[in-house]
Amino acid sequence: MKALSLTQPYAELIKNGCKTIETRSWKTDYRGKLLIHASSTKIPKASRENIELMGLIKREQLDYGSIICSCELVDCIKMTEEYVVDMRDNHKEEYISGIYEPGRYAWIFRNIKVFEAAISAKGHLGLWSYEDTVS
């Protein structure tokens, strides 16, 4: 199954439903089930100091080095100036949870399913394959 590693707090924001769009500098043609992996990298200083962003987190203990939920990757949209403005003006939580710039890509997630227990796993850059069975 395909997986995507993200640093915290972004993986947690997907898990708690605040973030349904992952912004990336690269596109993907992959569509389908995707595991969300919280990387072992600690929260970067810039993110820790972003009060609005950190205010979206609903719990103090975050998972690291673990697969924490699954979702469906349903679309990958190249951002235009109009798309960025719409996100900034109408979708504040999403906007502060990503890097919205023309030319970047918005990966659209649906059907987020939280796992009862995190699954320890080593992540990788890009989309990667997780071989164990996950529901």
N, C-alpha and C. Protein backbone atom coordinates (compact mmCIF):
# COMPACT_ATOMS: atom_id res chain seq x y z
N MET A 1 0.84 -1.17 0.00
CA MET A 1 0.00 0.00 0.00
C MET A 1 0.89 1.24 0.00
N LYS A 2 0.46 2.28 -0.68
CA LYS A 2 1.24 3.52 -0.75
C LYS A 2 1.14 4.28 0.58
N ALA A 3 2.23 4.96 0.93
CA ALA A 3 2.29 5.75 2.15
C ALA A 3 2.99 7.08 1.85
N LEU A 4 2.70 8.07 2.69
CA LEU A 4 3.30 9.38 2.57
C LEU A 4 3.73 9.83 3.96
N SER A 5 5.00 10.18 4.10
CA SER A 5 5.52 10.67 5.38
C SER A 5 5.40 12.18 5.45
N LEU A 6 4.96 12.66 6.60
CA LEU A 6 4.87 14.09 6.86
C LEU A 6 5.45 14.36 8.24
N THR A 7 6.02 15.53 8.41
CA THR A 7 6.46 15.92 9.75
C THR A 7 5.22 16.31 10.56
N GLN A 8 5.39 16.31 11.85
CA GLN A 8 4.36 16.84 12.73
C GLN A 8 4.49 18.36 12.72
N PRO A 9 3.47 19.10 12.88
CA PRO A 9 2.11 18.72 13.26
C PRO A 9 1.20 18.37 12.08
N TYR A 10 1.76 18.34 10.86
CA TYR A 10 0.94 18.17 9.67
C TYR A 10 0.27 16.80 9.59
N ALA A 11 0.97 15.74 9.99
CA ALA A 11 0.36 14.41 10.00
C ALA A 11 -0.81 14.39 10.98
N GLU A 12 -0.62 14.98 12.14
CA GLU A 12 -1.70 15.04 13.15
C GLU A 12 -2.89 15.84 12.64
N LEU A 13 -2.64 16.91 11.91
CA LEU A 13 -3.74 17.72 11.38
C LEU A 13 -4.58 16.94 10.36
N ILE A 14 -3.95 16.05 9.62
CA ILE A 14 -4.71 15.17 8.72
C ILE A 14 -5.51 14.20 9.56
N LYS A 15 -4.86 13.61 10.55
CA LYS A 15 -5.53 12.65 11.42
C LYS A 15 -6.75 13.25 12.09
N ASN A 16 -6.65 14.49 12.58
CA ASN A 16 -7.78 15.08 13.29
C ASN A 16 -8.79 15.79 12.38
N GLY A 17 -8.56 15.73 11.07
CA GLY A 17 -9.53 16.25 10.11
C GLY A 17 -9.42 17.73 9.79
N CYS A 18 -8.47 18.43 10.40
CA CYS A 18 -8.29 19.86 10.10
C CYS A 18 -7.67 20.07 8.72
N LYS A 19 -6.91 19.11 8.27
CA LYS A 19 -6.14 19.23 7.02
C LYS A 19 -6.58 18.11 6.08
N THR A 20 -7.18 18.48 4.96
CA THR A 20 -7.55 17.48 3.96
C THR A 20 -6.83 17.72 2.63
N ILE A 21 -5.90 18.68 2.66
CA ILE A 21 -5.10 18.99 1.48
C ILE A 21 -3.63 19.02 1.90
N GLU A 22 -2.82 18.23 1.24
CA GLU A 22 -1.38 18.27 1.46
C GLU A 22 -0.76 19.03 0.29
N THR A 23 0.05 20.03 0.59
CA THR A 23 0.68 20.82 -0.47
C THR A 23 2.09 20.29 -0.72
N ARG A 24 2.40 20.14 -1.97
CA ARG A 24 3.70 19.61 -2.38
C ARG A 24 4.23 20.39 -3.57
N SER A 25 5.55 20.30 -3.79
CA SER A 25 6.16 20.95 -4.94
C SER A 25 6.07 20.06 -6.17
N TRP A 26 5.65 18.84 -6.00
CA TRP A 26 5.59 17.88 -7.10
C TRP A 26 4.21 17.24 -7.18
N LYS A 27 3.86 16.83 -8.40
CA LYS A 27 2.56 16.21 -8.62
C LYS A 27 2.69 14.69 -8.57
N THR A 28 1.56 14.05 -8.44
CA THR A 28 1.50 12.60 -8.51
C THR A 28 0.30 12.21 -9.36
N ASP A 29 0.44 11.12 -10.08
CA ASP A 29 -0.68 10.56 -10.83
C ASP A 29 -1.40 9.49 -10.01
N TYR A 30 -0.83 9.14 -8.85
CA TYR A 30 -1.43 8.11 -8.01
C TYR A 30 -2.77 8.59 -7.45
N ARG A 31 -3.76 7.71 -7.47
CA ARG A 31 -5.04 7.95 -6.82
C ARG A 31 -5.39 6.66 -6.09
N GLY A 32 -5.93 6.80 -4.90
CA GLY A 32 -6.32 5.61 -4.15
C GLY A 32 -5.95 5.71 -2.69
N LYS A 33 -6.02 4.57 -2.02
CA LYS A 33 -5.76 4.52 -0.59
C LYS A 33 -4.32 4.91 -0.30
N LEU A 34 -4.16 5.69 0.77
CA LEU A 34 -2.85 6.22 1.14
C LEU A 34 -2.73 6.19 2.66
N LEU A 35 -1.62 5.67 3.13
CA LEU A 35 -1.32 5.70 4.56
C LEU A 35 -0.59 6.99 4.89
N ILE A 36 -0.93 7.59 6.02
CA ILE A 36 -0.26 8.81 6.48
C ILE A 36 0.69 8.42 7.60
N HIS A 37 1.96 8.71 7.37
CA HIS A 37 3.04 8.38 8.30
C HIS A 37 3.56 9.66 8.93
N ALA A 38 3.59 9.69 10.26
CA ALA A 38 4.18 10.82 11.00
C ALA A 38 5.67 10.51 11.12
N SER A 39 6.49 11.32 10.50
CA SER A 39 7.94 11.05 10.49
C SER A 39 8.51 11.18 11.90
N SER A 40 9.72 10.71 12.07
CA SER A 40 10.38 10.79 13.38
C SER A 40 10.99 12.17 13.63
N THR A 41 10.98 13.03 12.61
CA THR A 41 11.50 14.38 12.74
C THR A 41 10.63 15.20 13.68
N LYS A 42 11.24 15.86 14.63
CA LYS A 42 10.48 16.70 15.56
C LYS A 42 9.94 17.93 14.83
N ILE A 43 8.97 18.57 15.45
CA ILE A 43 8.32 19.73 14.84
C ILE A 43 9.35 20.83 14.59
N PRO A 44 9.46 21.30 13.34
CA PRO A 44 10.40 22.37 13.04
C PRO A 44 10.07 23.64 13.84
N LYS A 45 11.10 24.40 14.14
CA LYS A 45 10.96 25.61 14.96
C LYS A 45 9.91 26.57 14.38
N ALA A 46 9.95 26.80 13.08
CA ALA A 46 9.00 27.73 12.46
C ALA A 46 7.56 27.27 12.71
N SER A 47 7.32 25.98 12.64
CA SER A 47 5.97 25.46 12.90
C SER A 47 5.62 25.59 14.38
N ARG A 48 6.55 25.24 15.26
CA ARG A 48 6.31 25.36 16.72
C ARG A 48 5.95 26.78 17.11
N GLU A 49 6.56 27.75 16.44
CA GLU A 49 6.34 29.16 16.77
C GLU A 49 5.11 29.76 16.09
N ASN A 50 4.47 29.01 15.22
CA ASN A 50 3.26 29.47 14.54
C ASN A 50 2.06 29.17 15.45
N ILE A 51 1.62 30.17 16.19
CA ILE A 51 0.57 30.00 17.19
C ILE A 51 -0.74 29.53 16.56
N GLU A 52 -1.10 30.09 15.40
CA GLU A 52 -2.34 29.67 14.73
C GLU A 52 -2.28 28.20 14.35
N LEU A 53 -1.17 27.79 13.76
CA LEU A 53 -1.01 26.41 13.34
C LEU A 53 -1.06 25.47 14.54
N MET A 54 -0.28 25.76 15.56
CA MET A 54 -0.22 24.86 16.72
C MET A 54 -1.55 24.86 17.49
N GLY A 55 -2.33 25.92 17.35
CA GLY A 55 -3.65 25.97 17.98
C GLY A 55 -4.63 24.97 17.39
N LEU A 56 -4.33 24.44 16.22
CA LEU A 56 -5.20 23.45 15.58
C LEU A 56 -5.01 22.04 16.15
N ILE A 57 -3.93 21.84 16.88
CA ILE A 57 -3.64 20.52 17.46
C ILE A 57 -4.53 20.30 18.67
N LYS A 58 -5.18 19.14 18.71
CA LYS A 58 -6.15 18.87 19.77
C LYS A 58 -5.60 18.01 20.91
N ARG A 59 -4.35 17.59 20.83
CA ARG A 59 -3.78 16.79 21.93
C ARG A 59 -2.31 17.11 22.08
N GLU A 60 -1.77 16.85 23.25
CA GLU A 60 -0.38 17.22 23.53
C GLU A 60 0.63 16.19 23.04
N GLN A 61 0.31 14.91 23.17
CA GLN A 61 1.23 13.85 22.76
C GLN A 61 1.00 13.50 21.30
N LEU A 62 2.00 13.76 20.47
CA LEU A 62 1.90 13.43 19.06
C LEU A 62 2.69 12.17 18.77
N ASP A 63 2.27 11.45 17.74
CA ASP A 63 2.98 10.25 17.32
C ASP A 63 4.14 10.63 16.40
N TYR A 64 5.23 9.90 16.53
CA TYR A 64 6.40 10.07 15.66
C TYR A 64 6.85 8.69 15.19
N GLY A 65 7.33 8.61 13.95
CA GLY A 65 7.82 7.35 13.42
C GLY A 65 6.74 6.30 13.31
N SER A 66 5.50 6.73 12.98
CA SER A 66 4.37 5.82 12.97
C SER A 66 3.37 6.16 11.87
N ILE A 67 2.70 5.13 11.39
CA ILE A 67 1.55 5.31 10.51
C ILE A 67 0.36 5.55 11.42
N ILE A 68 -0.34 6.67 11.21
CA ILE A 68 -1.38 7.06 12.16
C ILE A 68 -2.80 7.05 11.60
N CYS A 69 -2.92 7.05 10.27
CA CYS A 69 -4.26 7.03 9.67
C CYS A 69 -4.13 6.69 8.19
N SER A 70 -5.28 6.51 7.57
CA SER A 70 -5.30 6.30 6.12
C SER A 70 -6.30 7.29 5.52
N CYS A 71 -6.22 7.44 4.23
CA CYS A 71 -7.15 8.31 3.51
C CYS A 71 -7.18 7.87 2.06
N GLU A 72 -8.02 8.51 1.29
CA GLU A 72 -8.06 8.32 -0.15
C GLU A 72 -7.47 9.57 -0.79
N LEU A 73 -6.48 9.40 -1.63
CA LEU A 73 -5.96 10.50 -2.43
C LEU A 73 -6.82 10.56 -3.68
N VAL A 74 -7.65 11.60 -3.78
CA VAL A 74 -8.65 11.65 -4.85
C VAL A 74 -8.31 12.59 -5.98
N ASP A 75 -7.37 13.54 -5.74
CA ASP A 75 -7.02 14.47 -6.81
C ASP A 75 -5.69 15.13 -6.50
N CYS A 76 -5.08 15.68 -7.53
CA CYS A 76 -3.84 16.43 -7.40
C CYS A 76 -3.98 17.64 -8.33
N ILE A 77 -4.10 18.81 -7.73
CA ILE A 77 -4.42 20.03 -8.48
C ILE A 77 -3.21 20.97 -8.51
N LYS A 78 -2.86 21.44 -9.70
CA LYS A 78 -1.82 22.46 -9.80
C LYS A 78 -2.42 23.79 -9.39
N MET A 79 -1.77 24.43 -8.43
CA MET A 79 -2.31 25.68 -7.88
C MET A 79 -2.12 26.85 -8.85
N THR A 80 -3.20 27.59 -9.00
CA THR A 80 -3.18 28.85 -9.74
C THR A 80 -3.24 29.98 -8.72
N GLU A 81 -3.04 31.19 -9.20
CA GLU A 81 -3.19 32.36 -8.31
C GLU A 81 -4.60 32.40 -7.72
N GLU A 82 -5.61 32.12 -8.53
CA GLU A 82 -6.99 32.14 -8.07
C GLU A 82 -7.23 31.08 -6.98
N TYR A 83 -6.66 29.90 -7.16
CA TYR A 83 -6.80 28.83 -6.17
C TYR A 83 -6.18 29.26 -4.84
N VAL A 84 -5.00 29.84 -4.89
CA VAL A 84 -4.30 30.29 -3.68
C VAL A 84 -5.12 31.36 -2.96
N VAL A 85 -5.64 32.32 -3.70
CA VAL A 85 -6.44 33.39 -3.10
C VAL A 85 -7.70 32.81 -2.46
N ASP A 86 -8.37 31.88 -3.15
CA ASP A 86 -9.56 31.25 -2.59
C ASP A 86 -9.22 30.52 -1.29
N MET A 87 -8.13 29.79 -1.27
CA MET A 87 -7.73 29.08 -0.05
C MET A 87 -7.44 30.07 1.08
N ARG A 88 -6.73 31.12 0.78
CA ARG A 88 -6.39 32.13 1.79
C ARG A 88 -7.64 32.80 2.35
N ASP A 89 -8.57 33.13 1.47
CA ASP A 89 -9.74 33.90 1.88
C ASP A 89 -10.88 33.06 2.45
N ASN A 90 -10.97 31.78 2.06
CA ASN A 90 -12.15 30.98 2.41
C ASN A 90 -11.87 29.68 3.17
N HIS A 91 -10.62 29.32 3.32
CA HIS A 91 -10.28 28.04 3.97
C HIS A 91 -9.06 28.24 4.88
N LYS A 92 -9.24 29.03 5.93
CA LYS A 92 -8.12 29.47 6.76
C LYS A 92 -7.33 28.31 7.37
N GLU A 93 -8.01 27.32 7.96
CA GLU A 93 -7.29 26.20 8.58
C GLU A 93 -6.42 25.47 7.56
N GLU A 94 -6.98 25.21 6.40
CA GLU A 94 -6.20 24.55 5.34
C GLU A 94 -5.02 25.44 4.92
N TYR A 95 -5.30 26.71 4.76
CA TYR A 95 -4.27 27.63 4.27
C TYR A 95 -3.08 27.71 5.22
N ILE A 96 -3.32 27.78 6.53
CA ILE A 96 -2.20 27.87 7.47
C ILE A 96 -1.52 26.52 7.67
N SER A 97 -2.12 25.45 7.13
CA SER A 97 -1.56 24.10 7.28
C SER A 97 -0.76 23.64 6.07
N GLY A 98 -0.47 24.55 5.15
CA GLY A 98 0.27 24.16 3.96
C GLY A 98 1.02 25.33 3.37
N ILE A 99 1.68 25.07 2.26
CA ILE A 99 2.39 26.12 1.51
C ILE A 99 1.63 26.31 0.21
N TYR A 100 0.87 27.37 0.17
CA TYR A 100 0.02 27.66 -0.98
C TYR A 100 0.68 28.73 -1.84
N GLU A 101 1.18 28.30 -3.00
CA GLU A 101 1.83 29.20 -3.96
C GLU A 101 1.50 28.70 -5.37
N PRO A 102 1.28 29.61 -6.30
CA PRO A 102 1.04 29.18 -7.68
C PRO A 102 2.18 28.29 -8.18
N GLY A 103 1.79 27.22 -8.88
CA GLY A 103 2.78 26.29 -9.41
C GLY A 103 3.00 25.07 -8.52
N ARG A 104 2.62 25.15 -7.25
CA ARG A 104 2.71 23.99 -6.37
C ARG A 104 1.47 23.12 -6.57
N TYR A 105 1.40 22.00 -5.87
CA TYR A 105 0.31 21.05 -6.05
C TYR A 105 -0.45 20.82 -4.76
N ALA A 106 -1.77 20.70 -4.89
CA ALA A 106 -2.66 20.40 -3.77
C ALA A 106 -3.13 18.96 -3.92
N TRP A 107 -2.72 18.11 -2.99
CA TRP A 107 -3.15 16.71 -2.97
C TRP A 107 -4.42 16.66 -2.12
N ILE A 108 -5.51 16.23 -2.70
CA ILE A 108 -6.81 16.26 -2.04
C ILE A 108 -7.10 14.89 -1.41
N PHE A 109 -7.34 14.92 -0.09
CA PHE A 109 -7.62 13.70 0.68
C PHE A 109 -9.09 13.65 1.06
N ARG A 110 -9.66 12.46 1.05
CA ARG A 110 -11.02 12.20 1.53
C ARG A 110 -11.00 10.92 2.35
N ASN A 111 -12.09 10.67 3.06
CA ASN A 111 -12.29 9.42 3.80
C ASN A 111 -11.13 9.10 4.75
N ILE A 112 -10.80 10.05 5.59
CA ILE A 112 -9.72 9.83 6.56
C ILE A 112 -10.20 8.85 7.62
N LYS A 113 -9.39 7.82 7.87
CA LYS A 113 -9.71 6.81 8.88
C LYS A 113 -8.55 6.75 9.87
N VAL A 114 -8.87 7.01 11.13
CA VAL A 114 -7.87 7.02 12.19
C VAL A 114 -7.69 5.61 12.73
N PHE A 115 -6.44 5.20 12.93
CA PHE A 115 -6.16 3.89 13.50
C PHE A 115 -6.25 3.95 15.01
N GLU A 116 -6.73 2.86 15.62
CA GLU A 116 -6.82 2.81 17.08
C GLU A 116 -5.44 2.94 17.71
N ALA A 117 -4.47 2.34 17.10
CA ALA A 117 -3.09 2.42 17.60
C ALA A 117 -2.17 2.74 16.44
N ALA A 118 -1.19 3.61 16.69
CA ALA A 118 -0.20 3.94 15.67
C ALA A 118 0.63 2.70 15.35
N ILE A 119 1.08 2.60 14.10
CA ILE A 119 1.89 1.47 13.64
C ILE A 119 3.31 1.96 13.42
N SER A 120 4.23 1.46 14.19
CA SER A 120 5.63 1.87 14.06
C SER A 120 6.15 1.52 12.67
N ALA A 121 6.76 2.50 12.02
CA ALA A 121 7.29 2.27 10.67
C ALA A 121 8.34 3.33 10.37
N LYS A 122 9.32 2.94 9.60
CA LYS A 122 10.32 3.90 9.12
C LYS A 122 9.79 4.52 7.84
N GLY A 123 9.78 5.83 7.78
CA GLY A 123 9.27 6.51 6.60
C GLY A 123 10.32 6.69 5.53
N HIS A 124 9.90 7.26 4.42
CA HIS A 124 10.78 7.54 3.29
C HIS A 124 10.33 8.83 2.62
N LEU A 125 11.17 9.38 1.80
CA LEU A 125 10.79 10.54 1.01
C LEU A 125 9.88 10.11 -0.12
N GLY A 126 9.01 11.01 -0.55
CA GLY A 126 8.11 10.72 -1.65
C GLY A 126 7.04 9.72 -1.26
N LEU A 127 6.32 9.22 -2.25
CA LEU A 127 5.38 8.13 -2.01
C LEU A 127 6.18 6.85 -1.88
N TRP A 128 5.86 6.05 -0.90
CA TRP A 128 6.59 4.80 -0.69
C TRP A 128 5.61 3.68 -0.38
N SER A 129 6.08 2.46 -0.49
CA SER A 129 5.21 1.29 -0.29
C SER A 129 5.41 0.73 1.10
N TYR A 130 4.30 0.53 1.79
CA TYR A 130 4.30 -0.14 3.10
C TYR A 130 3.79 -1.54 2.85
N GLU A 131 4.56 -2.54 3.22
CA GLU A 131 4.25 -3.92 2.85
C GLU A 131 3.37 -4.68 3.83
N ASP A 132 3.31 -4.28 5.11
CA ASP A 132 2.47 -5.01 6.06
C ASP A 132 1.01 -4.71 5.80
N THR A 133 0.14 -5.55 6.31
CA THR A 133 -1.30 -5.40 6.11
C THR A 133 -1.84 -4.34 7.06
N VAL A 134 -2.60 -3.41 6.52
CA VAL A 134 -3.27 -2.36 7.30
C VAL A 134 -4.70 -2.26 6.78
N SER A 135 -5.65 -2.16 7.67
CA SER A 135 -7.06 -2.02 7.24
C SER A 135 -7.35 -0.61 6.82
